[in-house]
């Protein structure tokens, strides 16, 4: 059994990464670069939260830093990308609102990670 203090610490150790980006899409090459960037994010385990916001669960700060470096290497020449790190506890306090005419997004499957 995990001690309550250890469980609380785990919630602060586990990280979520938010990748937010603004990529130009005026030319065919820019659209291709933007599509490749999105596909590469998904290959690295990110899921779309909103159109230009992707999120990923990381088991630790060390894991988060690995993925941050991967994203850094993916940024198109004309792109602007921001990454926000938050703890699992902070992510758990997220409040989402859906308009009356918009269907809420389907529930995502939670990926089981073994440490």
Protein backbone atom coordinates (compact mmCIF):
# COMPACT_ATOMS: atom_id res chain seq x y z
CA UNK A 1 0.00 0.00 0.00
CA UNK A 2 1.29 3.47 -0.91
CA UNK A 3 1.47 5.94 1.95
CA UNK A 4 -0.80 9.02 1.55
CA UNK A 5 2.24 11.32 1.56
CA UNK A 6 3.82 9.31 -1.26
CA UNK A 7 0.60 9.46 -3.30
CA UNK A 8 0.48 13.25 -2.90
CA UNK A 9 4.09 13.54 -4.02
CA UNK A 10 3.36 11.37 -7.06
CA UNK A 11 0.72 13.89 -8.15
CA UNK A 12 3.35 16.58 -8.12
CA UNK A 13 5.99 14.41 -9.79
CA UNK A 14 3.84 13.38 -12.74
CA UNK A 15 3.80 16.07 -15.43
CA UNK A 16 1.59 17.11 -18.32
CA UNK A 17 3.03 18.95 -21.30
CA UNK A 18 0.95 21.39 -23.31
CA UNK A 19 2.42 22.21 -26.72
CA UNK A 20 0.83 25.30 -28.24
CA UNK A 21 1.84 26.50 -31.66
CA UNK A 22 1.24 28.97 -34.43
CA UNK A 23 2.50 27.70 -37.76
CA UNK A 24 2.09 29.58 -41.04
CA UNK A 25 0.00 27.80 -43.68
CA UNK A 26 0.00 30.24 -46.59
CA UNK A 27 2.17 28.22 -48.98
CA UNK A 28 2.09 24.55 -49.91
CA UNK A 29 5.44 23.99 -48.16
CA UNK A 30 4.21 25.69 -44.97
CA UNK A 31 1.06 23.52 -44.94
CA UNK A 32 3.19 20.42 -45.43
CA UNK A 33 5.57 21.45 -42.63
CA UNK A 34 2.61 22.10 -40.29
CA UNK A 35 1.10 18.69 -41.10
CA UNK A 36 4.43 16.96 -40.49
CA UNK A 37 4.81 18.79 -37.15
CA UNK A 38 1.35 17.62 -36.01
CA UNK A 39 2.02 14.05 -37.12
CA UNK A 40 5.39 14.04 -35.35
CA UNK A 41 3.72 15.27 -32.15
CA UNK A 42 1.24 12.40 -32.34
CA UNK A 43 4.03 9.89 -33.00
CA UNK A 44 5.63 11.14 -29.78
CA UNK A 45 2.45 10.44 -27.79
CA UNK A 46 0.76 13.84 -27.86
CA UNK A 47 -3.00 14.08 -28.43
CA UNK A 48 -4.93 17.05 -29.76
CA UNK A 49 -6.61 19.03 -26.99
CA UNK A 50 -7.61 21.90 -29.27
CA UNK A 51 -6.61 22.64 -32.86
CA UNK A 52 -3.16 24.07 -32.09
CA UNK A 53 -2.83 22.66 -28.57
CA UNK A 54 -1.54 19.14 -27.98
CA UNK A 55 -1.02 17.49 -24.60
CA UNK A 56 1.00 14.57 -23.29
CA UNK A 57 1.29 12.79 -19.96
CA UNK A 58 4.83 12.25 -18.63
CA UNK A 59 5.67 10.04 -15.66
CA UNK A 60 8.38 12.38 -14.38
CA UNK A 61 10.19 15.65 -14.96
CA UNK A 62 13.01 13.71 -16.60
CA UNK A 63 10.56 12.17 -19.10
CA UNK A 64 9.02 15.59 -19.74
CA UNK A 65 12.44 17.03 -20.53
CA UNK A 66 13.07 14.26 -23.09
CA UNK A 67 9.83 15.14 -24.89
CA UNK A 68 10.52 18.87 -24.68
CA UNK A 69 13.83 18.31 -26.45
CA UNK A 70 12.10 16.21 -29.12
CA UNK A 71 9.55 18.96 -29.75
CA UNK A 72 12.35 21.52 -29.93
CA UNK A 73 13.89 19.49 -32.76
CA UNK A 74 10.56 19.28 -34.65
CA UNK A 75 9.78 23.01 -34.87
CA UNK A 76 9.47 24.15 -38.50
CA UNK A 77 11.75 27.02 -39.53
CA UNK A 78 8.85 29.49 -39.61
CA UNK A 79 7.01 28.12 -36.58
CA UNK A 80 6.36 29.47 -33.11
CA UNK A 81 5.91 26.85 -30.37
CA UNK A 82 5.34 27.22 -26.63
CA UNK A 83 5.42 24.42 -24.07
CA UNK A 84 3.79 24.59 -20.66
CA UNK A 85 4.59 22.01 -17.96
CA UNK A 86 2.04 21.40 -15.22
CA UNK A 87 1.75 18.78 -12.52
CA UNK A 88 -0.86 16.04 -12.51
CA UNK A 89 -2.53 17.74 -9.54
CA UNK A 90 -2.83 21.01 -11.49
CA UNK A 91 -4.13 19.18 -14.56
CA UNK A 92 -6.73 17.46 -12.38
CA UNK A 93 -8.15 20.88 -11.55
CA UNK A 94 -8.85 21.69 -15.21
CA UNK A 95 -12.34 23.04 -15.85
CA UNK A 96 -13.77 22.60 -19.35
CA UNK A 97 -16.86 24.30 -20.75
CA UNK A 98 -18.77 23.21 -23.84
CA UNK A 99 -21.24 25.40 -25.71
CA UNK A 100 -24.86 24.28 -25.94
CA UNK A 101 -24.63 23.42 -29.64
CA UNK A 102 -21.25 21.74 -29.48
CA UNK A 103 -20.89 18.10 -28.59
CA UNK A 104 -18.33 17.41 -25.88
CA UNK A 105 -15.21 15.62 -27.12
CA UNK A 106 -15.16 11.84 -26.72
CA UNK A 107 -13.42 10.51 -23.64
CA UNK A 108 -9.76 9.74 -24.26
CA UNK A 109 -8.41 6.42 -23.13
CA UNK A 110 -5.92 6.82 -20.33
CA UNK A 111 -2.58 5.33 -21.21
CA UNK A 112 -1.17 3.07 -18.55
CA UNK A 113 2.49 3.74 -17.87
CA UNK A 114 4.61 1.39 -15.84
CA UNK A 115 7.51 3.00 -14.06
